[in-house]
C-alpha atoms as a PDB file:
ATOM      1  CA  MET A   1     141.207 121.216  89.087  1.00  0.00           C
ATOM      2  CA  ARG A   2     139.245 119.596  86.800  1.00  0.00           C
ATOM      3  CA  GLN A   3     136.471 117.082  88.143  1.00  0.00           C
ATOM      4  CA  GLU A   4     136.516 113.688  87.093  1.00  0.00           C
ATOM      5  CA  LYS A   5     133.292 112.485  85.968  1.00  0.00           C
ATOM      6  CA  PRO A   6     132.236 109.187  87.178  1.00  0.00           C
ATOM      7  CA  ARG A   7     132.570 106.650  84.709  1.00  0.00           C
ATOM      8  CA  LEU A   8     129.408 104.908  83.689  1.00  0.00           C
ATOM      9  CA  THR A   9     129.662 101.098  83.703  1.00  0.00           C
ATOM     10  CA  GLY A  10     127.133  98.336  82.331  1.00  0.00           C
ATOM     11  CA  ARG A  11     126.889 100.197  78.880  1.00  0.00           C
ATOM     12  CA  LYS A  12     127.084  96.879  77.077  1.00  0.00           C
ATOM     13  CA  GLU A  13     124.023  95.148  78.838  1.00  0.00           C
ATOM     14  CA  ARG A  14     122.226  98.944  77.976  1.00  0.00           C
ATOM     15  CA  GLN A  15     123.422  98.750  75.078  1.00  0.00           C
ATOM     16  CA  HIS A  16     122.338  94.743  75.002  1.00  0.00           C
ATOM     17  CA  VAL A  17     118.475  95.741  76.536  1.00  0.00           C
ATOM     18  CA  LYS A  18     118.527  98.048  73.551  1.00  0.00           C
ATOM     19  CA  THR A  19     118.610  96.141  71.044  1.00  0.00           C
ATOM     20  CA  LEU A  20     115.500  93.204  72.796  1.00  0.00           C
ATOM     21  CA  LYS A  21     113.432  96.210  73.599  1.00  0.00           C
ATOM     22  CA  GLY A  22     110.136  95.780  71.689  1.00  0.00           C
ATOM     23  CA  THR A  23     110.840  92.175  71.104  1.00  0.00           C
ATOM     24  CA  GLU A  24     107.460  89.787  72.071  1.00  0.00           C
ATOM     25  CA  ALA A  25     110.081  88.357  74.751  1.00  0.00           C
ATOM     26  CA  PHE A  26     110.966  91.471  76.542  1.00  0.00           C
ATOM     27  CA  GLU A  27     107.754  92.750  76.554  1.00  0.00           C
ATOM     28  CA  ARG A  28     106.565  89.163  77.995  1.00  0.00           C
ATOM     29  CA  SER A  29     109.968  89.283  80.697  1.00  0.00           C
ATOM     30  CA  ALA A  30     108.537  92.912  81.600  1.00  0.00           C
ATOM     31  CA  LEU A  31     104.501  91.977  82.153  1.00  0.00           C
ATOM     32  CA  GLU A  32     106.370  89.213  84.586  1.00  0.00           C
ATOM     33  CA  ARG A  33     108.196  91.766  86.405  1.00  0.00           C
ATOM     34  CA  LYS A  34     105.095  93.978  86.599  1.00  0.00           C
ATOM     35  CA  LYS A  35     103.579  90.874  88.292  1.00  0.00           C
ATOM     36  CA  VAL A  36     106.225  90.580  91.087  1.00  0.00           C
ATOM     37  CA  GLU A  37     106.990  94.215  91.638  1.00  0.00           C
ATOM     38  CA  MET A  38     102.937  94.201  91.906  1.00  0.00           C
ATOM     39  CA  LEU A  39     102.978  91.554  94.646  1.00  0.00           C
ATOM     40  CA  PHE A  40     105.755  92.949  97.066  1.00  0.00           C
ATOM     41  CA  GLU A  41     103.985  96.777  96.691  1.00  0.00           C
ATOM     42  CA  TYR A  42     100.962  94.739  98.275  1.00  0.00           C
ATOM     43  CA  LEU A  43     102.928  92.690 100.856  1.00  0.00           C
ATOM     44  CA  LYS A  44     104.452  95.783 101.358  1.00  0.00           C
ATOM     45  CA  ARG A  45     101.733  98.163 101.935  1.00  0.00           C
ATOM     46  CA  ASN A  46      98.925  95.966 103.136  1.00  0.00           C
ATOM     47  CA  LEU A  47     100.440  92.944 105.423  1.00  0.00           C
ATOM     48  CA  GLY A  48     102.779  95.737 106.608  1.00  0.00           C
ATOM     49  CA  LEU A  49     106.172  94.574 105.037  1.00  0.00           C
ATOM     50  CA  ARG A  50     108.056  97.406 105.614  1.00  0.00           C
ATOM     51  CA  TRP A  51     110.518  96.442 107.509  1.00  0.00           C
ATOM     52  CA  LEU A  52     111.573  93.282 108.538  1.00  0.00           C
ATOM     53  CA  ARG A  53     110.703  91.560 112.386  1.00  0.00           C
ATOM     54  CA  LEU A  54     113.643  88.767 111.797  1.00  0.00           C
ATOM     55  CA  CYS A  55     117.784  89.557 111.030  1.00  0.00           C
ATOM     56  CA  GLY A  56     119.626  87.889 109.245  1.00  0.00           C
ATOM     57  CA  LEU A  57     119.508  87.107 104.957  1.00  0.00           C
ATOM     58  CA  SER A  58     118.545  83.950 105.665  1.00  0.00           C
ATOM     59  CA  CYS A  59     115.519  84.785 108.320  1.00  0.00           C
ATOM     60  CA  ALA A  60     114.703  87.379 105.857  1.00  0.00           C
ATOM     61  CA  LYS A  61     114.345  85.098 103.214  1.00  0.00           C
ATOM     62  CA  ASP A  62     111.954  83.140 105.287  1.00  0.00           C
ATOM     63  CA  GLU A  63     109.752  85.709 106.463  1.00  0.00           C
ATOM     64  CA  PHE A  64     109.064  87.252 102.951  1.00  0.00           C
ATOM     65  CA  LEU A  65     108.618  83.338 101.506  1.00  0.00           C
ATOM     66  CA  LEU A  66     105.988  83.358 104.555  1.00  0.00           C
ATOM     67  CA  ALA A  67     104.573  86.563 103.667  1.00  0.00           C
ATOM     68  CA  ALA A  68     104.531  85.210 100.338  1.00  0.00           C
ATOM     69  CA  ILE A  69     102.990  82.069 101.137  1.00  0.00           C
ATOM     70  CA  GLY A  70     100.054  83.413 103.024  1.00  0.00           C
ATOM     71  CA  GLN A  71      99.342  85.924 100.197  1.00  0.00           C
ATOM     72  CA  SER A  72      98.964  83.168  97.254  1.00  0.00           C
ATOM     73  CA  LEU A  73      96.273  81.118  99.839  1.00  0.00           C
ATOM     74  CA  LYS A  74      94.459  84.297 100.018  1.00  0.00           C
ATOM     75  CA  LYS A  75      94.006  84.157  96.166  1.00  0.00           C
ATOM     76  CA  LEU A  76      93.570  80.340  95.733  1.00  0.00           C
ATOM     77  CA  VAL A  77      90.630  80.338  98.497  1.00  0.00           C
ATOM     78  CA  ARG A  78      89.351  84.188  96.498  1.00  0.00           C
ATOM     79  CA  LEU A  79      89.607  81.727  93.290  1.00  0.00           C
ATOM     80  CA  CYS A  80      88.042  78.864  95.225  1.00  0.00           C
ATOM     81  CA  ALA A  81      84.847  80.590  96.398  1.00  0.00           C
ATOM     82  CA  ASN A  82      83.878  82.345  93.262  1.00  0.00           C
ATOM     83  CA  GLY A  83      83.545  78.470  91.727  1.00  0.00           C
ATOM     84  CA  PRO A  84      85.621  77.298  88.416  1.00  0.00           C
ATOM     85  CA  PRO A  85      84.802  79.696  85.718  1.00  0.00           C
ATOM     86  CA  VAL A  86      81.926  79.208  83.138  1.00  0.00           C
ATOM     87  CA  VAL A  87      82.912  78.461  79.934  1.00  0.00           C
ATOM     88  CA  THR A  88      80.073  79.475  77.210  1.00  0.00           C
ATOM     89  CA  LYS A  89      80.045  79.035  73.392  1.00  0.00           C
ATOM     90  CA  CYS A  90      79.099  80.988  70.591  1.00  0.00           C
ATOM     91  CA  ALA A  91      76.711  79.689  68.252  1.00  0.00           C
ATOM     92  CA  ALA A  92      78.411  81.804  65.146  1.00  0.00           C
END
C-alpha cells in the first residue's frame, strides 16, 4: 500500500516571498516583524503573560492591549528620565 504525501499548499506565496527577499522593503518588513516579536517575548518572559487569565478572544485581546500599554508607558518613562538626546555639531 502506497503512502500518500501531504500536498503542499502556499507554493505561489512562498515563491512570491522568495522573489521579494533581498529587497529594501522586505528587509524593512523583517526588521519590523523582529521588533514586534521581541516585544511579545518581553511580555511573555518578564510580565508573566505566558498564560492568559481572561477567557475568550476579546478578553485576551484586551489583556494584551493593557500589557502593551504598560510596556509603552515603561519605555516612555525611561526615555523621559534620560532627557532629550543631545545633538552635537561637528566642526568639519
